[in-house]
Amino acid sequence: MGLPPYSARLNERPLSLHSVREFAEYLWQFEFFATARPKVLESFSVETPQSLDHTLLIATRINQSFDSCDRIEVVAWISSTNKSNGALSRDFHFLFAIEAQLINGIAEEC
């Protein structure tokens, strides 16, 4: 399930993994999700011959009902920046889901 590509260009030169990470984490604060619910589990960068990629691993809790377990979905939100021209694209990948609940303040998988 990918998002439509963004029409953007990262103009900072020289491009670096640090600049792509800073930009991806900045956008996370303002786009796509209400920031009260999802949590960033991990944030990491990878350089390929063609691009600088930054991934945010995000967990989102979905309340299913009062007496049911919550569904927790983990997704990867990847920002890729072309090294030659700075063109930015972003993609969103569902990774997995689990169900869990709190019992006496302790999280348990259902």
C-alpha atoms as a PDB file:
ATOM      1  CA  MET A   1       0.000   0.000   0.000  1.00  0.00           C
ATOM      2  CA  GLY A   2       2.046   2.906  -1.225  1.00  0.00           C
ATOM      3  CA  LEU A   3       1.288   6.581  -0.989  1.00  0.00           C
ATOM      4  CA  PRO A   4       1.340   8.678  -4.142  1.00  0.00           C
ATOM      5  CA  PRO A   5       4.822  10.064  -4.857  1.00  0.00           C
ATOM      6  CA  TYR A   6       5.535  13.526  -3.560  1.00  0.00           C
ATOM      7  CA  SER A   7       6.491  16.333  -5.890  1.00  0.00           C
ATOM      8  CA  ALA A   8       9.430  17.623  -3.965  1.00  0.00           C
ATOM      9  CA  ARG A   9      13.138  18.162  -4.229  1.00  0.00           C
ATOM     10  CA  LEU A  10      15.611  18.323  -1.378  1.00  0.00           C
ATOM     11  CA  ASN A  11      17.862  21.250  -2.366  1.00  0.00           C
ATOM     12  CA  GLU A  12      20.550  20.927   0.283  1.00  0.00           C
ATOM     13  CA  ARG A  13      23.982  20.192  -1.175  1.00  0.00           C
ATOM     14  CA  PRO A  14      25.831  18.070  -0.628  1.00  0.00           C
ATOM     15  CA  LEU A  15      23.065  15.588   0.184  1.00  0.00           C
ATOM     16  CA  SER A  16      23.794  13.428   3.208  1.00  0.00           C
ATOM     17  CA  LEU A  17      22.106  10.700   5.232  1.00  0.00           C
ATOM     18  CA  HIS A  18      21.880  13.222   8.072  1.00  0.00           C
ATOM     19  CA  SER A  19      19.977  15.780   5.960  1.00  0.00           C
ATOM     20  CA  VAL A  20      17.536  13.127   4.661  1.00  0.00           C
ATOM     21  CA  ARG A  21      16.955  11.887   8.231  1.00  0.00           C
ATOM     22  CA  GLU A  22      16.346  15.403   9.557  1.00  0.00           C
ATOM     23  CA  PHE A  23      13.878  16.112   6.753  1.00  0.00           C
ATOM     24  CA  ALA A  24      11.987  12.803   7.176  1.00  0.00           C
ATOM     25  CA  GLU A  25      11.697  13.269  10.935  1.00  0.00           C
ATOM     26  CA  TYR A  26      10.594  16.899  10.482  1.00  0.00           C
ATOM     27  CA  LEU A  27       7.809  15.843   8.086  1.00  0.00           C
ATOM     28  CA  TRP A  28       6.710  13.119  10.512  1.00  0.00           C
ATOM     29  CA  GLN A  29       5.762  15.824  12.990  1.00  0.00           C
ATOM     30  CA  PHE A  30       3.261  17.479  10.641  1.00  0.00           C
ATOM     31  CA  GLU A  31       2.006  14.996   8.063  1.00  0.00           C
ATOM     32  CA  PHE A  32      -0.218  11.988   7.633  1.00  0.00           C
ATOM     33  CA  PHE A  33      -0.878  10.905  11.253  1.00  0.00           C
ATOM     34  CA  ALA A  34      -2.372  12.530  14.311  1.00  0.00           C
ATOM     35  CA  THR A  35       0.754  12.637  16.476  1.00  0.00           C
ATOM     36  CA  ALA A  36      -1.054  11.621  19.686  1.00  0.00           C
ATOM     37  CA  ARG A  37      -1.471   7.967  18.674  1.00  0.00           C
ATOM     38  CA  PRO A  38       1.381   6.547  16.549  1.00  0.00           C
ATOM     39  CA  LYS A  39       4.849   6.078  17.998  1.00  0.00           C
ATOM     40  CA  VAL A  40       8.170   5.981  16.167  1.00  0.00           C
ATOM     41  CA  LEU A  41       9.887   2.752  17.228  1.00  0.00           C
ATOM     42  CA  GLU A  42      13.057   3.226  15.225  1.00  0.00           C
ATOM     43  CA  SER A  43      14.542   5.658  12.752  1.00  0.00           C
ATOM     44  CA  PHE A  44      17.445   4.729  10.462  1.00  0.00           C
ATOM     45  CA  SER A  45      19.168   5.731   7.215  1.00  0.00           C
ATOM     46  CA  VAL A  46      20.708   3.701   4.387  1.00  0.00           C
ATOM     47  CA  GLU A  47      22.780   4.872   1.428  1.00  0.00           C
ATOM     48  CA  THR A  48      22.485   3.068  -1.912  1.00  0.00           C
ATOM     49  CA  PRO A  49      24.410   3.892  -5.111  1.00  0.00           C
ATOM     50  CA  GLN A  50      21.412   5.934  -6.378  1.00  0.00           C
ATOM     51  CA  SER A  51      19.707   7.264  -3.238  1.00  0.00           C
ATOM     52  CA  LEU A  52      19.769   8.265   0.395  1.00  0.00           C
ATOM     53  CA  ASP A  53      16.908   6.502   2.187  1.00  0.00           C
ATOM     54  CA  HIS A  54      15.470   7.147   5.622  1.00  0.00           C
ATOM     55  CA  THR A  55      12.992   4.790   7.309  1.00  0.00           C
ATOM     56  CA  LEU A  56      10.696   5.471  10.241  1.00  0.00           C
ATOM     57  CA  LEU A  57       9.278   2.309  11.842  1.00  0.00           C
ATOM     58  CA  ILE A  58       5.928   3.367  13.281  1.00  0.00           C
ATOM     59  CA  ALA A  59       3.490   1.567  15.588  1.00  0.00           C
ATOM     60  CA  THR A  60      -0.172   2.579  15.621  1.00  0.00           C
ATOM     61  CA  ARG A  61      -2.693   1.395  18.216  1.00  0.00           C
ATOM     62  CA  ILE A  62      -6.247   0.765  17.072  1.00  0.00           C
ATOM     63  CA  ASN A  63      -8.930   0.423  19.755  1.00  0.00           C
ATOM     64  CA  GLN A  64     -11.226  -2.414  18.699  1.00  0.00           C
ATOM     65  CA  SER A  65     -13.839  -2.316  21.475  1.00  0.00           C
ATOM     66  CA  PHE A  66     -14.206  -2.040  25.235  1.00  0.00           C
ATOM     67  CA  ASP A  67     -13.750  -5.743  26.007  1.00  0.00           C
ATOM     68  CA  SER A  68     -11.444  -6.665  23.097  1.00  0.00           C
ATOM     69  CA  CYS A  69      -7.714  -6.512  22.607  1.00  0.00           C
ATOM     70  CA  ASP A  70      -6.199  -3.519  20.805  1.00  0.00           C
ATOM     71  CA  ARG A  71      -4.655  -4.033  17.365  1.00  0.00           C
ATOM     72  CA  ILE A  72      -1.115  -2.713  16.984  1.00  0.00           C
ATOM     73  CA  GLU A  73       0.107  -2.225  13.423  1.00  0.00           C
ATOM     74  CA  VAL A  74       3.760  -1.677  12.555  1.00  0.00           C
ATOM     75  CA  VAL A  75       4.602   0.107   9.315  1.00  0.00           C
ATOM     76  CA  ALA A  76       7.702   1.413   7.547  1.00  0.00           C
ATOM     77  CA  TRP A  77       7.534   4.954   6.185  1.00  0.00           C
ATOM     78  CA  ILE A  78      10.446   5.388   3.765  1.00  0.00           C
ATOM     79  CA  SER A  79      11.743   8.686   2.365  1.00  0.00           C
ATOM     80  CA  SER A  80      14.097   8.230  -0.597  1.00  0.00           C
ATOM     81  CA  THR A  81      16.145  11.090  -2.038  1.00  0.00           C
ATOM     82  CA  ASN A  82      17.805  10.723  -5.434  1.00  0.00           C
ATOM     83  CA  LYS A  83      21.507  11.537  -4.991  1.00  0.00           C
ATOM     84  CA  SER A  84      21.959  13.157  -8.392  1.00  0.00           C
ATOM     85  CA  ASN A  85      18.997  15.560  -8.462  1.00  0.00           C
ATOM     86  CA  GLY A  86      17.513  15.618  -4.937  1.00  0.00           C
ATOM     87  CA  ALA A  87      14.092  14.298  -6.059  1.00  0.00           C
ATOM     88  CA  LEU A  88      12.192  13.030  -3.026  1.00  0.00           C
ATOM     89  CA  SER A  89       9.772  10.115  -2.985  1.00  0.00           C
ATOM     90  CA  ARG A  90       8.015   8.547  -0.019  1.00  0.00           C
ATOM     91  CA  ASP A  91       6.480   5.142   0.429  1.00  0.00           C
ATOM     92  CA  PHE A  92       4.479   3.432   3.141  1.00  0.00           C
ATOM     93  CA  HIS A  93       4.656  -0.326   3.815  1.00  0.00           C
ATOM     94  CA  PHE A  94       2.540  -2.376   6.238  1.00  0.00           C
ATOM     95  CA  LEU A  95       4.885  -4.806   8.058  1.00  0.00           C
ATOM     96  CA  PHE A  96       2.808  -6.730  10.614  1.00  0.00           C
ATOM     97  CA  ALA A  97       0.101  -6.514  13.291  1.00  0.00           C
ATOM     98  CA  ILE A  98      -0.364  -7.972  16.768  1.00  0.00           C
ATOM     99  CA  GLU A  99      -3.165  -7.790  19.309  1.00  0.00           C
ATOM    100  CA  ALA A 100      -2.456  -6.802  22.903  1.00  0.00           C
ATOM    101  CA  GLN A 101      -4.149  -5.539  26.059  1.00  0.00           C
ATOM    102  CA  LEU A 102      -3.194  -3.980  29.389  1.00  0.00           C
ATOM    103  CA  ILE A 103      -3.887  -6.103  32.459  1.00  0.00           C
ATOM    104  CA  ASN A 104      -3.066  -4.396  35.767  1.00  0.00           C
ATOM    105  CA  GLY A 105      -0.739  -2.018  33.914  1.00  0.00           C
ATOM    106  CA  ILE A 106       1.188  -4.792  32.161  1.00  0.00           C
ATOM    107  CA  ALA A 107       0.976  -5.254  28.395  1.00  0.00           C
ATOM    108  CA  GLU A 108       0.098  -8.781  27.290  1.00  0.00           C
ATOM    109  CA  GLU A 109      -0.217 -10.170  23.785  1.00  0.00           C
ATOM    110  CA  CYS A 110      -3.624 -11.659  23.055  1.00  0.00           C
END
